[in-house]
Amino acid sequence: MDETVVRAATTRAPIMKGMVVAVWIPLLVPLLAVPLVRLLGDRLSPRSASWLLAATGVLLSGCTTLALMLLTGAGLLRIPFVAAAEDVSPLLLRRMSPVPVPLACAAGTALVATLALAVWTLHRRLAMLTLARNAVRPRRGGLAVVRDDLPDAYAVPGRPGTIVVTTGMLRSLDARERDVLLAHERAHLSGRHHWFTLAMDVATVLHPALAALRGPLRYHLERWADESAADAVGDRRLVARAIARAALARSRAGSPVSTPGPVFSATAGPVPRRVAALLAAPAPRRSRLLPGMAAALAACLAMSGAGALDAATDLHGSLETMEIHHHHRPEAGRA
């Protein structure tokens, strides 16, 4: 192949180098976005904070996966058999793709590993939900009472969802506190809170930095259910007392709370913090820093999405350049 033709075809090489810079943005942005979204979530209502954390996790993990795909694809362009398959000069491919093969192999390995683990995590969580659903027999109203001295109550999602409560928990609370407990668990079911945790569990696998959002998301989902229960019974102090007594009964039983996967328990999470929030003013805390933090988080999300999109556009443009060159080669040979 004429060196002049190769040089002309590689005029997009600087753009490809820009692609390599852009593709790292989605991989690094979560390190900055995670602390921001946690701070911002603490200043929003529980419902808004839950949506914000879950949406941020899904968006950042999606951009991360796309970035790994692009790094892998750009590096594969340097492998000789790829050039032979496309009937393009290896020299052209090496100049068009500045991603070294070892980096592409590392990105490809990380991509395959995280996607496989994400699929396994999703399968495991859904299997756990199926087991929990099959283990109970709901009665009228979606309530299953289990004869067990261990105080416990949790919500099992499904169609319809089921609230499971043990006889030990029922004995630990009075009638009004039982109403609070049931209202709390109904809020988990009606709000589809299991999908929030499911999405975050998968996102955490795709980018380890997002693991710092799992605990805050669980807390805000419990607070969302607490506030829904308070609206249902009309007494925030009653809700605080019911949650505290339920958690104390479970603690005295000597068994820690362990609700697998997306199954929610009323006694889970930092109970003292939840009780304190219920006894405080219901309005979320305001801060002068709120607009600034929101703008910074929006900028992080925009940078992550724009970086992945820009890298994908550059890679696609370079592939089109090589394809155009391949189609024009016979004409160049005849000339």
C-alpha atoms as a PDB file:
ATOM      1  CA  MET A   1       0.000   0.000   0.000  1.00  0.00           C
ATOM      2  CA  ASP A   2       1.280   3.444  -0.881  1.00  0.00           C
ATOM      3  CA  GLU A   3       2.596   5.289   2.170  1.00  0.00           C
ATOM      4  CA  THR A   4       0.970   8.495   0.929  1.00  0.00           C
ATOM      5  CA  VAL A   5      -2.446   6.809   0.930  1.00  0.00           C
ATOM      6  CA  VAL A   6      -1.865   5.502   4.440  1.00  0.00           C
ATOM      7  CA  ARG A   7      -0.846   8.957   5.610  1.00  0.00           C
ATOM      8  CA  ALA A   8      -3.984  10.461   4.083  1.00  0.00           C
ATOM      9  CA  ALA A   9      -6.196   7.813   5.622  1.00  0.00           C
ATOM     10  CA  THR A  10      -4.774   8.419   9.099  1.00  0.00           C
ATOM     11  CA  THR A  11      -5.731  12.073   9.287  1.00  0.00           C
ATOM     12  CA  ARG A  12      -8.230  11.048  12.002  1.00  0.00           C
ATOM     13  CA  ALA A  13      -5.470   9.663  14.239  1.00  0.00           C
ATOM     14  CA  PRO A  14      -5.392  12.787  16.474  1.00  0.00           C
ATOM     15  CA  ILE A  15      -9.138  12.366  16.952  1.00  0.00           C
ATOM     16  CA  MET A  16      -8.598   8.755  17.992  1.00  0.00           C
ATOM     17  CA  LYS A  17      -6.053   9.939  20.555  1.00  0.00           C
ATOM     18  CA  GLY A  18      -8.739  12.274  21.837  1.00  0.00           C
ATOM     19  CA  MET A  19     -11.015   9.258  22.032  1.00  0.00           C
ATOM     20  CA  VAL A  20      -8.528   7.521  24.326  1.00  0.00           C
ATOM     21  CA  VAL A  21      -8.609  10.549  26.638  1.00  0.00           C
ATOM     22  CA  ALA A  22     -12.406  10.780  26.561  1.00  0.00           C
ATOM     23  CA  VAL A  23     -12.925   7.095  27.256  1.00  0.00           C
ATOM     24  CA  TRP A  24     -11.215   7.399  30.665  1.00  0.00           C
ATOM     25  CA  ILE A  25     -13.681  10.025  31.880  1.00  0.00           C
ATOM     26  CA  PRO A  26     -16.550   7.564  32.616  1.00  0.00           C
ATOM     27  CA  LEU A  27     -14.105   5.343  34.508  1.00  0.00           C
ATOM     28  CA  LEU A  28     -12.856   8.138  36.787  1.00  0.00           C
ATOM     29  CA  VAL A  29     -15.942  10.337  37.259  1.00  0.00           C
ATOM     30  CA  PRO A  30     -17.627   7.958  39.794  1.00  0.00           C
ATOM     31  CA  LEU A  31     -14.779   8.620  42.226  1.00  0.00           C
ATOM     32  CA  LEU A  32     -15.946  12.245  42.386  1.00  0.00           C
ATOM     33  CA  ALA A  33     -19.673  11.727  41.869  1.00  0.00           C
ATOM     34  CA  VAL A  34     -20.185   9.208  44.691  1.00  0.00           C
ATOM     35  CA  PRO A  35     -19.304  11.603  47.566  1.00  0.00           C
ATOM     36  CA  LEU A  36     -21.381  14.328  45.920  1.00  0.00           C
ATOM     37  CA  VAL A  37     -24.508  12.213  45.533  1.00  0.00           C
ATOM     38  CA  ARG A  38     -24.231  11.010  49.138  1.00  0.00           C
ATOM     39  CA  LEU A  39     -24.025  14.572  50.454  1.00  0.00           C
ATOM     40  CA  LEU A  40     -26.849  15.683  48.207  1.00  0.00           C
ATOM     41  CA  GLY A  41     -29.057  12.743  49.185  1.00  0.00           C
ATOM     42  CA  ASP A  42     -28.801  13.641  52.873  1.00  0.00           C
ATOM     43  CA  ARG A  43     -30.343  17.033  52.068  1.00  0.00           C
ATOM     44  CA  LEU A  44     -33.305  15.718  50.068  1.00  0.00           C
ATOM     45  CA  SER A  45     -36.497  13.955  51.039  1.00  0.00           C
ATOM     46  CA  PRO A  46     -36.091  10.155  51.365  1.00  0.00           C
ATOM     47  CA  ARG A  47     -38.095   9.507  48.199  1.00  0.00           C
ATOM     48  CA  SER A  48     -36.073  11.985  46.108  1.00  0.00           C
ATOM     49  CA  ALA A  49     -32.793  10.766  47.587  1.00  0.00           C
ATOM     50  CA  SER A  50     -33.646   7.149  46.741  1.00  0.00           C
ATOM     51  CA  TRP A  51     -34.401   8.010  43.130  1.00  0.00           C
ATOM     52  CA  LEU A  52     -31.265  10.146  42.867  1.00  0.00           C
ATOM     53  CA  LEU A  53     -28.924   7.475  44.230  1.00  0.00           C
ATOM     54  CA  ALA A  54     -30.399   4.669  42.138  1.00  0.00           C
ATOM     55  CA  ALA A  55     -30.457   6.715  38.920  1.00  0.00           C
ATOM     56  CA  THR A  56     -26.883   7.917  39.476  1.00  0.00           C
ATOM     57  CA  GLY A  57     -25.667   4.367  40.033  1.00  0.00           C
ATOM     58  CA  VAL A  58     -27.363   3.074  36.880  1.00  0.00           C
ATOM     59  CA  LEU A  59     -26.088   5.937  34.702  1.00  0.00           C
ATOM     60  CA  LEU A  60     -22.489   5.817  35.926  1.00  0.00           C
ATOM     61  CA  SER A  61     -22.270   2.030  35.677  1.00  0.00           C
ATOM     62  CA  GLY A  62     -23.708   2.112  32.163  1.00  0.00           C
ATOM     63  CA  CYS A  63     -21.131   4.676  31.035  1.00  0.00           C
ATOM     64  CA  THR A  64     -18.382   2.595  32.652  1.00  0.00           C
ATOM     65  CA  THR A  65     -19.425  -0.498  30.730  1.00  0.00           C
ATOM     66  CA  LEU A  66     -19.525   1.449  27.470  1.00  0.00           C
ATOM     67  CA  ALA A  67     -16.045   2.856  28.151  1.00  0.00           C
ATOM     68  CA  LEU A  68     -14.598  -0.628  28.676  1.00  0.00           C
ATOM     69  CA  MET A  69     -16.235  -1.786  25.454  1.00  0.00           C
ATOM     70  CA  LEU A  70     -14.693   1.118  23.543  1.00  0.00           C
ATOM     71  CA  LEU A  71     -11.212   0.547  24.995  1.00  0.00           C
ATOM     72  CA  THR A  72     -11.437  -3.113  24.085  1.00  0.00           C
ATOM     73  CA  GLY A  73     -12.665  -2.408  20.574  1.00  0.00           C
ATOM     74  CA  ALA A  74     -10.069   0.264  19.857  1.00  0.00           C
ATOM     75  CA  GLY A  75      -7.259  -2.023  20.970  1.00  0.00           C
ATOM     76  CA  LEU A  76      -8.495  -4.930  18.895  1.00  0.00           C
ATOM     77  CA  LEU A  77      -7.934  -2.801  15.783  1.00  0.00           C
ATOM     78  CA  ARG A  78      -4.173  -3.225  16.293  1.00  0.00           C
ATOM     79  CA  ILE A  79      -4.280  -7.033  16.101  1.00  0.00           C
ATOM     80  CA  PRO A  80      -3.027  -8.305  12.690  1.00  0.00           C
ATOM     81  CA  PHE A  81      -5.798 -10.871  12.119  1.00  0.00           C
ATOM     82  CA  VAL A  82      -8.380  -8.087  12.546  1.00  0.00           C
ATOM     83  CA  ALA A  83      -6.632  -6.205   9.758  1.00  0.00           C
ATOM     84  CA  ALA A  84      -6.593  -9.334   7.621  1.00  0.00           C
ATOM     85  CA  ALA A  85     -10.292  -9.964   8.220  1.00  0.00           C
ATOM     86  CA  GLU A  86     -11.147  -6.436   7.111  1.00  0.00           C
ATOM     87  CA  ASP A  87      -8.526  -6.426   4.310  1.00  0.00           C
ATOM     88  CA  VAL A  88      -7.004  -3.246   5.728  1.00  0.00           C
ATOM     89  CA  SER A  89      -3.330  -2.504   6.177  1.00  0.00           C
ATOM     90  CA  PRO A  90      -1.985  -3.322   9.674  1.00  0.00           C
ATOM     91  CA  LEU A  91       0.050  -0.115   9.406  1.00  0.00           C
ATOM     92  CA  LEU A  92      -3.169   1.825   8.894  1.00  0.00           C
ATOM     93  CA  LEU A  93      -4.845   0.154  11.870  1.00  0.00           C
ATOM     94  CA  ARG A  94      -1.882   0.793  14.150  1.00  0.00           C
ATOM     95  CA  ARG A  95      -1.861   4.463  13.227  1.00  0.00           C
ATOM     96  CA  MET A  96      -5.626   4.810  13.578  1.00  0.00           C
ATOM     97  CA  SER A  97      -5.769   3.177  17.027  1.00  0.00           C
ATOM     98  CA  PRO A  98      -3.378   4.465  19.707  1.00  0.00           C
ATOM     99  CA  VAL A  99      -4.719   1.971  22.291  1.00  0.00           C
ATOM    100  CA  PRO A 100      -2.029  -0.637  23.018  1.00  0.00           C
ATOM    101  CA  VAL A 101      -3.042  -4.288  22.865  1.00  0.00           C
ATOM    102  CA  PRO A 102      -2.197  -5.019  26.555  1.00  0.00           C
ATOM    103  CA  LEU A 103      -4.497  -2.203  27.676  1.00  0.00           C
ATOM    104  CA  ALA A 104      -7.241  -3.498  25.402  1.00  0.00           C
ATOM    105  CA  CYS A 105      -6.782  -7.008  26.814  1.00  0.00           C
ATOM    106  CA  ALA A 106      -7.016  -5.679  30.369  1.00  0.00           C
ATOM    107  CA  ALA A 107     -10.152  -3.701  29.498  1.00  0.00           C
ATOM    108  CA  GLY A 108     -11.659  -6.717  27.761  1.00  0.00           C
ATOM    109  CA  THR A 109     -10.934  -8.956  30.735  1.00  0.00           C
ATOM    110  CA  ALA A 110     -12.508  -6.433  33.108  1.00  0.00           C
ATOM    111  CA  LEU A 111     -15.516  -6.095  30.804  1.00  0.00           C
ATOM    112  CA  VAL A 112     -16.148  -9.840  30.574  1.00  0.00           C
ATOM    113  CA  ALA A 113     -15.607 -10.334  34.314  1.00  0.00           C
ATOM    114  CA  THR A 114     -17.916  -7.508  35.395  1.00  0.00           C
ATOM    115  CA  LEU A 115     -20.674  -8.427  32.941  1.00  0.00           C
ATOM    116  CA  ALA A 116     -20.541 -12.083  34.013  1.00  0.00           C
ATOM    117  CA  LEU A 117     -20.620 -11.098  37.679  1.00  0.00           C
ATOM    118  CA  ALA A 118     -23.491  -8.677  37.019  1.00  0.00           C
ATOM    119  CA  VAL A 119     -25.539 -11.416  35.359  1.00  0.00           C
ATOM    120  CA  TRP A 120     -24.741 -13.792  38.218  1.00  0.00           C
ATOM    121  CA  THR A 121     -25.689 -11.142  40.802  1.00  0.00           C
ATOM    122  CA  LEU A 122     -28.989 -10.450  39.056  1.00  0.00           C
ATOM    123  CA  HIS A 123     -29.767 -14.162  38.807  1.00  0.00           C
ATOM    124  CA  ARG A 124     -28.880 -14.738  42.467  1.00  0.00           C
ATOM    125  CA  ARG A 125     -31.016 -11.854  43.719  1.00  0.00           C
ATOM    126  CA  LEU A 126     -34.017 -12.944  41.666  1.00  0.00           C
ATOM    127  CA  ALA A 127     -33.566 -16.542  42.847  1.00  0.00           C
ATOM    128  CA  MET A 128     -33.499 -15.376  46.475  1.00  0.00           C
ATOM    129  CA  LEU A 129     -36.721 -13.444  45.917  1.00  0.00           C
ATOM    130  CA  THR A 130     -38.337 -16.500  44.372  1.00  0.00           C
ATOM    131  CA  LEU A 131     -37.308 -18.651  47.340  1.00  0.00           C
ATOM    132  CA  ALA A 132     -38.634 -16.065  49.796  1.00  0.00           C
ATOM    133  CA  ARG A 133     -41.902 -15.837  47.853  1.00  0.00           C
ATOM    134  CA  ASN A 134     -42.348 -19.601  47.745  1.00  0.00           C
ATOM    135  CA  ALA A 135     -41.629 -19.924  51.458  1.00  0.00           C
ATOM    136  CA  VAL A 136     -44.736 -17.985  52.537  1.00  0.00           C
ATOM    137  CA  ARG A 137     -48.447 -18.465  51.981  1.00  0.00           C
ATOM    138  CA  PRO A 138     -50.195 -15.094  51.973  1.00  0.00           C
ATOM    139  CA  ARG A 139     -53.645 -14.743  53.420  1.00  0.00           C
ATOM    140  CA  ARG A 140     -56.236 -12.070  52.709  1.00  0.00           C
ATOM    141  CA  GLY A 141     -54.622  -8.673  52.320  1.00  0.00           C
ATOM    142  CA  GLY A 142     -51.214 -10.073  51.399  1.00  0.00           C
ATOM    143  CA  LEU A 143     -50.287 -10.832  55.022  1.00  0.00           C
ATOM    144  CA  ALA A 144     -48.544 -14.005  56.163  1.00  0.00           C
ATOM    145  CA  VAL A 145     -48.235 -14.692  59.900  1.00  0.00           C
ATOM    146  CA  VAL A 146     -45.462 -17.152  60.727  1.00  0.00           C
ATOM    147  CA  ARG A 147     -45.408 -19.014  64.039  1.00  0.00           C
ATOM    148  CA  ASP A 148     -41.962 -18.090  65.293  1.00  0.00           C
ATOM    149  CA  ASP A 149     -40.824 -16.634  68.614  1.00  0.00           C
ATOM    150  CA  LEU A 150     -38.146 -14.600  66.833  1.00  0.00           C
ATOM    151  CA  PRO A 151     -39.487 -11.041  66.369  1.00  0.00           C
ATOM    152  CA  ASP A 152     -39.303 -10.280  62.657  1.00  0.00           C
ATOM    153  CA  ALA A 153     -41.220  -8.606  59.843  1.00  0.00           C
ATOM    154  CA  TYR A 154     -40.316  -8.075  56.200  1.00  0.00           C
ATOM    155  CA  ALA A 155     -41.811  -7.475  52.771  1.00  0.00           C
ATOM    156  CA  VAL A 156     -41.520  -9.993  49.931  1.00  0.00           C
ATOM    157  CA  PRO A 157     -42.207  -8.391  46.531  1.00  0.00           C
ATOM    158  CA  GLY A 158     -44.340 -10.146  43.969  1.00  0.00           C
ATOM    159  CA  ARG A 159     -47.762 -10.078  42.324  1.00  0.00           C
ATOM    160  CA  PRO A 160     -49.190  -9.531  44.810  1.00  0.00           C
ATOM    161  CA  GLY A 161     -46.499  -8.712  47.343  1.00  0.00           C
ATOM    162  CA  THR A 162     -46.553 -10.327  50.771  1.00  0.00           C
ATOM    163  CA  ILE A 163     -45.892  -8.928  54.238  1.00  0.00           C
ATOM    164  CA  VAL A 164     -44.397 -11.569  56.521  1.00  0.00           C
ATOM    165  CA  VAL A 165     -44.612 -11.059  60.278  1.00  0.00           C
ATOM    166  CA  THR A 166     -43.836 -13.510  63.037  1.00  0.00           C
ATOM    167  CA  THR A 167     -45.940 -14.157  66.118  1.00  0.00           C
ATOM    168  CA  GLY A 168     -42.948 -13.048  68.186  1.00  0.00           C
ATOM    169  CA  MET A 169     -43.065  -9.609  66.570  1.00  0.00           C
ATOM    170  CA  LEU A 170     -46.815  -9.316  66.999  1.00  0.00           C
ATOM    171  CA  ARG A 171     -46.471 -10.021  70.736  1.00  0.00           C
ATOM    172  CA  SER A 172     -43.771  -7.356  71.036  1.00  0.00           C
ATOM    173  CA  LEU A 173     -46.004  -4.509  69.773  1.00  0.00           C
ATOM    174  CA  ASP A 174     -49.385  -3.124  70.708  1.00  0.00           C
ATOM    175  CA  ALA A 175     -52.233  -2.733  68.212  1.00  0.00           C
ATOM    176  CA  ARG A 176     -51.293   0.760  67.010  1.00  0.00           C
ATOM    177  CA  GLU A 177     -47.637  -0.170  66.633  1.00  0.00           C
ATOM    178  CA  ARG A 178     -48.642  -3.185  64.556  1.00  0.00           C
ATOM    179  CA  ASP A 179     -50.493  -0.848  62.219  1.00  0.00           C
ATOM    180  CA  VAL A 180     -47.308   1.174  61.848  1.00  0.00           C
ATOM    181  CA  LEU A 181     -45.306  -1.962  61.086  1.00  0.00           C
ATOM    182  CA  LEU A 182     -47.735  -3.062  58.384  1.00  0.00           C
ATOM    183  CA  ALA A 183     -47.893   0.428  56.870  1.00  0.00           C
ATOM    184  CA  HIS A 184     -44.104   0.509  56.729  1.00  0.00           C
ATOM    185  CA  GLU A 185     -43.898  -2.800  54.881  1.00  0.00           C
ATOM    186  CA  ARG A 186     -46.734  -1.862  52.522  1.00  0.00           C
ATOM    187  CA  ALA A 187     -44.750   1.231  51.563  1.00  0.00           C
ATOM    188  CA  HIS A 188     -41.829  -0.985  50.533  1.00  0.00           C
ATOM    189  CA  LEU A 189     -44.130  -3.018  48.308  1.00  0.00           C
ATOM    190  CA  SER A 190     -46.048  -0.125  46.776  1.00  0.00           C
ATOM    191  CA  GLY A 191     -42.838   1.830  46.127  1.00  0.00           C
ATOM    192  CA  ARG A 192     -41.198  -1.161  44.405  1.00  0.00           C
ATOM    193  CA  HIS A 193     -38.151  -0.618  46.571  1.00  0.00           C
ATOM    194  CA  HIS A 194     -36.693  -4.008  45.662  1.00  0.00           C
ATOM    195  CA  TRP A 195     -35.992  -2.746  42.129  1.00  0.00           C
ATOM    196  CA  PHE A 196     -33.908   0.116  43.563  1.00  0.00           C
ATOM    197  CA  THR A 197     -31.636  -2.234  45.491  1.00  0.00           C
ATOM    198  CA  LEU A 198     -31.500  -4.684  42.612  1.00  0.00           C
ATOM    199  CA  ALA A 199     -30.311  -1.965  40.233  1.00  0.00           C
ATOM    200  CA  MET A 200     -27.716  -0.743  42.732  1.00  0.00           C
ATOM    201  CA  ASP A 201     -26.395  -4.257  43.356  1.00  0.00           C
ATOM    202  CA  VAL A 202     -25.770  -4.697  39.624  1.00  0.00           C
ATOM    203  CA  ALA A 203     -24.294  -1.197  39.275  1.00  0.00           C
ATOM    204  CA  THR A 204     -21.873  -1.903  42.130  1.00  0.00           C
ATOM    205  CA  VAL A 205     -20.509  -4.896  40.262  1.00  0.00           C
ATOM    206  CA  LEU A 206     -19.911  -2.822  37.130  1.00  0.00           C
ATOM    207  CA  HIS A 207     -17.961  -0.119  39.017  1.00  0.00           C
ATOM    208  CA  PRO A 208     -16.645  -0.893  42.545  1.00  0.00           C
ATOM    209  CA  ALA A 209     -16.687   2.788  43.595  1.00  0.00           C
ATOM    210  CA  LEU A 210     -20.500   2.662  43.523  1.00  0.00           C
ATOM    211  CA  ALA A 211     -20.474   0.241  46.469  1.00  0.00           C
ATOM    212  CA  ALA A 212     -20.391   3.315  48.715  1.00  0.00           C
ATOM    213  CA  LEU A 213     -23.961   4.090  47.600  1.00  0.00           C
ATOM    214  CA  ARG A 214     -25.529   0.791  48.687  1.00  0.00           C
ATOM    215  CA  GLY A 215     -25.752   1.651  52.383  1.00  0.00           C
ATOM    216  CA  PRO A 216     -27.146   5.175  51.851  1.00  0.00           C
ATOM    217  CA  LEU A 217     -29.706   3.845  49.381  1.00  0.00           C
ATOM    218  CA  ARG A 218     -30.930   1.259  51.896  1.00  0.00           C
ATOM    219  CA  TYR A 219     -31.179   3.939  54.558  1.00  0.00           C
ATOM    220  CA  HIS A 220     -33.174   6.326  52.366  1.00  0.00           C
ATOM    221  CA  LEU A 221     -35.521   3.535  51.278  1.00  0.00           C
ATOM    222  CA  GLU A 222     -36.206   2.707  54.922  1.00  0.00           C
ATOM    223  CA  ARG A 223     -36.759   6.402  55.630  1.00  0.00           C
ATOM    224  CA  TRP A 224     -39.129   6.557  52.651  1.00  0.00           C
ATOM    225  CA  ALA A 225     -41.156   3.728  54.187  1.00  0.00           C
ATOM    226  CA  ASP A 226     -41.012   5.404  57.619  1.00  0.00           C
ATOM    227  CA  GLU A 227     -42.414   8.646  56.217  1.00  0.00           C
ATOM    228  CA  SER A 228     -45.134   6.762  54.322  1.00  0.00           C
ATOM    229  CA  ALA A 229     -46.120   5.009  57.546  1.00  0.00           C
ATOM    230  CA  ALA A 230     -46.188   8.347  59.353  1.00  0.00           C
ATOM    231  CA  ASP A 231     -48.530   9.736  56.689  1.00  0.00           C
ATOM    232  CA  ALA A 232     -50.740   6.653  56.971  1.00  0.00           C
ATOM    233  CA  VAL A 233     -51.151   6.707  60.764  1.00  0.00           C
ATOM    234  CA  GLY A 234     -50.819  10.477  61.218  1.00  0.00           C
ATOM    235  CA  ASP A 235     -48.395  10.278  64.150  1.00  0.00           C
ATOM    236  CA  ARG A 236     -44.636  10.514  63.664  1.00  0.00           C
ATOM    237  CA  ARG A 237     -43.853   9.823  67.315  1.00  0.00           C
ATOM    238  CA  LEU A 238     -45.903   6.640  67.143  1.00  0.00           C
ATOM    239  CA  VAL A 239     -43.914   5.495  64.120  1.00  0.00           C
ATOM    240  CA  ALA A 240     -40.633   6.263  65.882  1.00  0.00           C
ATOM    241  CA  ARG A 241     -41.752   4.304  68.951  1.00  0.00           C
ATOM    242  CA  ALA A 242     -42.929   1.326  66.893  1.00  0.00           C
ATOM    243  CA  ILE A 243     -39.668   1.094  64.963  1.00  0.00           C
ATOM    244  CA  ALA A 244     -37.588   1.431  68.123  1.00  0.00           C
ATOM    245  CA  ARG A 245     -39.577  -1.243  69.960  1.00  0.00           C
ATOM    246  CA  ALA A 246     -39.455  -3.627  66.984  1.00  0.00           C
ATOM    247  CA  ALA A 247     -35.683  -3.218  66.692  1.00  0.00           C
ATOM    248  CA  LEU A 248     -35.220  -3.615  70.458  1.00  0.00           C
ATOM    249  CA  ALA A 249     -37.289  -6.808  70.457  1.00  0.00           C
ATOM    250  CA  ARG A 250     -35.191  -8.214  67.643  1.00  0.00           C
ATOM    251  CA  SER A 251     -31.981  -7.242  69.422  1.00  0.00           C
ATOM    252  CA  ARG A 252     -33.081  -8.877  72.675  1.00  0.00           C
ATOM    253  CA  ALA A 253     -33.784 -12.082  70.751  1.00  0.00           C
ATOM    254  CA  GLY A 254     -30.047 -12.283  70.118  1.00  0.00           C
ATOM    255  CA  SER A 255     -30.313 -12.647  66.332  1.00  0.00           C
ATOM    256  CA  PRO A 256     -28.968  -9.965  64.010  1.00  0.00           C
ATOM    257  CA  VAL A 257     -31.073  -8.651  61.170  1.00  0.00           C
ATOM    258  CA  SER A 258     -30.116 -10.350  57.919  1.00  0.00           C
ATOM    259  CA  THR A 259     -32.541  -9.709  55.110  1.00  0.00           C
ATOM    260  CA  PRO A 260     -31.081 -11.132  51.896  1.00  0.00           C
ATOM    261  CA  GLY A 261     -30.945  -9.148  48.691  1.00  0.00           C
ATOM    262  CA  PRO A 262     -33.896  -6.876  47.999  1.00  0.00           C
ATOM    263  CA  VAL A 263     -36.085  -8.194  50.865  1.00  0.00           C
ATOM    264  CA  PHE A 264     -36.779  -5.394  53.365  1.00  0.00           C
ATOM    265  CA  SER A 265     -37.103  -5.617  57.130  1.00  0.00           C
ATOM    266  CA  ALA A 266     -38.571  -2.897  59.329  1.00  0.00           C
ATOM    267  CA  THR A 267     -35.713  -3.327  61.818  1.00  0.00           C
ATOM    268  CA  ALA A 268     -32.928  -2.986  59.215  1.00  0.00           C
ATOM    269  CA  GLY A 269     -30.586  -0.062  58.766  1.00  0.00           C
ATOM    270  CA  PRO A 270     -29.399   2.502  61.344  1.00  0.00           C
ATOM    271  CA  VAL A 271     -32.509   2.478  63.541  1.00  0.00           C
ATOM    272  CA  PRO A 272     -31.370   5.245  65.957  1.00  0.00           C
ATOM    273  CA  ARG A 273     -30.788   7.567  62.998  1.00  0.00           C
ATOM    274  CA  ARG A 274     -34.197   6.712  61.553  1.00  0.00           C
ATOM    275  CA  VAL A 275     -35.909   7.341  64.887  1.00  0.00           C
ATOM    276  CA  ALA A 276     -34.117  10.667  65.294  1.00  0.00           C
ATOM    277  CA  ALA A 277     -35.240  11.728  61.811  1.00  0.00           C
ATOM    278  CA  LEU A 278     -38.856  10.892  62.647  1.00  0.00           C
ATOM    279  CA  LEU A 279     -38.741  12.870  65.882  1.00  0.00           C
ATOM    280  CA  ALA A 280     -37.232  15.876  64.081  1.00  0.00           C
ATOM    281  CA  ALA A 281     -39.047  18.231  61.720  1.00  0.00           C
ATOM    282  CA  PRO A 282     -40.449  16.361  58.705  1.00  0.00           C
ATOM    283  CA  ALA A 283     -39.070  18.867  56.188  1.00  0.00           C
ATOM    284  CA  PRO A 284     -35.668  18.000  54.676  1.00  0.00           C
ATOM    285  CA  ARG A 285     -32.707  20.058  55.729  1.00  0.00           C
ATOM    286  CA  ARG A 286     -31.927  23.070  53.586  1.00  0.00           C
ATOM    287  CA  SER A 287     -28.445  24.218  52.768  1.00  0.00           C
ATOM    288  CA  ARG A 288     -26.892  27.044  50.848  1.00  0.00           C
ATOM    289  CA  LEU A 289     -24.598  24.460  49.300  1.00  0.00           C
ATOM    290  CA  LEU A 290     -27.507  22.465  47.844  1.00  0.00           C
ATOM    291  CA  PRO A 291     -27.625  24.247  44.441  1.00  0.00           C
ATOM    292  CA  GLY A 292     -23.857  24.053  44.121  1.00  0.00           C
ATOM    293  CA  MET A 293     -23.742  20.342  44.951  1.00  0.00           C
ATOM    294  CA  ALA A 294     -26.590  19.653  42.541  1.00  0.00           C
ATOM    295  CA  ALA A 295     -24.791  21.538  39.781  1.00  0.00           C
ATOM    296  CA  ALA A 296     -21.523  19.691  40.495  1.00  0.00           C
ATOM    297  CA  LEU A 297     -23.258  16.314  40.387  1.00  0.00           C
ATOM    298  CA  ALA A 298     -25.056  17.224  37.164  1.00  0.00           C
ATOM    299  CA  ALA A 299     -21.706  18.233  35.670  1.00  0.00           C
ATOM    300  CA  CYS A 300     -20.184  14.878  36.681  1.00  0.00           C
ATOM    301  CA  LEU A 301     -23.032  12.932  35.111  1.00  0.00           C
ATOM    302  CA  ALA A 302     -22.872  15.055  31.966  1.00  0.00           C
ATOM    303  CA  MET A 303     -19.095  14.557  31.731  1.00  0.00           C
ATOM    304  CA  SER A 304     -19.452  10.802  32.082  1.00  0.00           C
ATOM    305  CA  GLY A 305     -22.130  10.564  29.406  1.00  0.00           C
ATOM    306  CA  ALA A 306     -20.415  13.024  27.086  1.00  0.00           C
ATOM    307  CA  GLY A 307     -17.063  11.259  27.442  1.00  0.00           C
ATOM    308  CA  ALA A 308     -18.548   7.885  26.528  1.00  0.00           C
ATOM    309  CA  LEU A 309     -20.526   9.383  23.637  1.00  0.00           C
ATOM    310  CA  ASP A 310     -17.531  11.327  22.301  1.00  0.00           C
ATOM    311  CA  ALA A 311     -15.299   8.253  22.438  1.00  0.00           C
ATOM    312  CA  ALA A 312     -17.917   6.153  20.652  1.00  0.00           C
ATOM    313  CA  THR A 313     -18.341   8.809  17.961  1.00  0.00           C
ATOM    314  CA  ASP A 314     -14.586   9.054  17.368  1.00  0.00           C
ATOM    315  CA  LEU A 315     -14.180   5.290  17.133  1.00  0.00           C
ATOM    316  CA  HIS A 316     -17.110   5.014  14.723  1.00  0.00           C
ATOM    317  CA  GLY A 317     -15.697   7.809  12.573  1.00  0.00           C
ATOM    318  CA  SER A 318     -12.315   6.106  12.394  1.00  0.00           C
ATOM    319  CA  LEU A 319     -13.904   2.819  11.372  1.00  0.00           C
ATOM    320  CA  GLU A 320     -15.810   4.639   8.637  1.00  0.00           C
ATOM    321  CA  THR A 321     -12.539   6.186   7.422  1.00  0.00           C
ATOM    322  CA  MET A 322     -10.940   2.766   7.141  1.00  0.00           C
ATOM    323  CA  GLU A 323     -14.007   1.369   5.398  1.00  0.00           C
ATOM    324  CA  ILE A 324     -13.985   4.215   2.856  1.00  0.00           C
ATOM    325  CA  HIS A 325     -10.273   3.655   2.246  1.00  0.00           C
ATOM    326  CA  HIS A 326     -10.895  -0.080   1.736  1.00  0.00           C
ATOM    327  CA  HIS A 327     -13.596   0.577  -0.873  1.00  0.00           C
ATOM    328  CA  HIS A 328     -11.387   3.043  -2.781  1.00  0.00           C
ATOM    329  CA  ARG A 329      -8.307   0.815  -2.926  1.00  0.00           C
ATOM    330  CA  PRO A 330      -9.167  -0.964  -6.191  1.00  0.00           C
ATOM    331  CA  GLU A 331      -9.741   2.400  -7.855  1.00  0.00           C
ATOM    332  CA  ALA A 332      -6.370   3.629  -6.546  1.00  0.00           C
ATOM    333  CA  GLY A 333      -4.685   0.491  -7.889  1.00  0.00           C
ATOM    334  CA  ARG A 334      -6.147   0.981 -11.378  1.00  0.00           C
ATOM    335  CA  ALA A 335      -5.008   4.606 -11.397  1.00  0.00           C
END
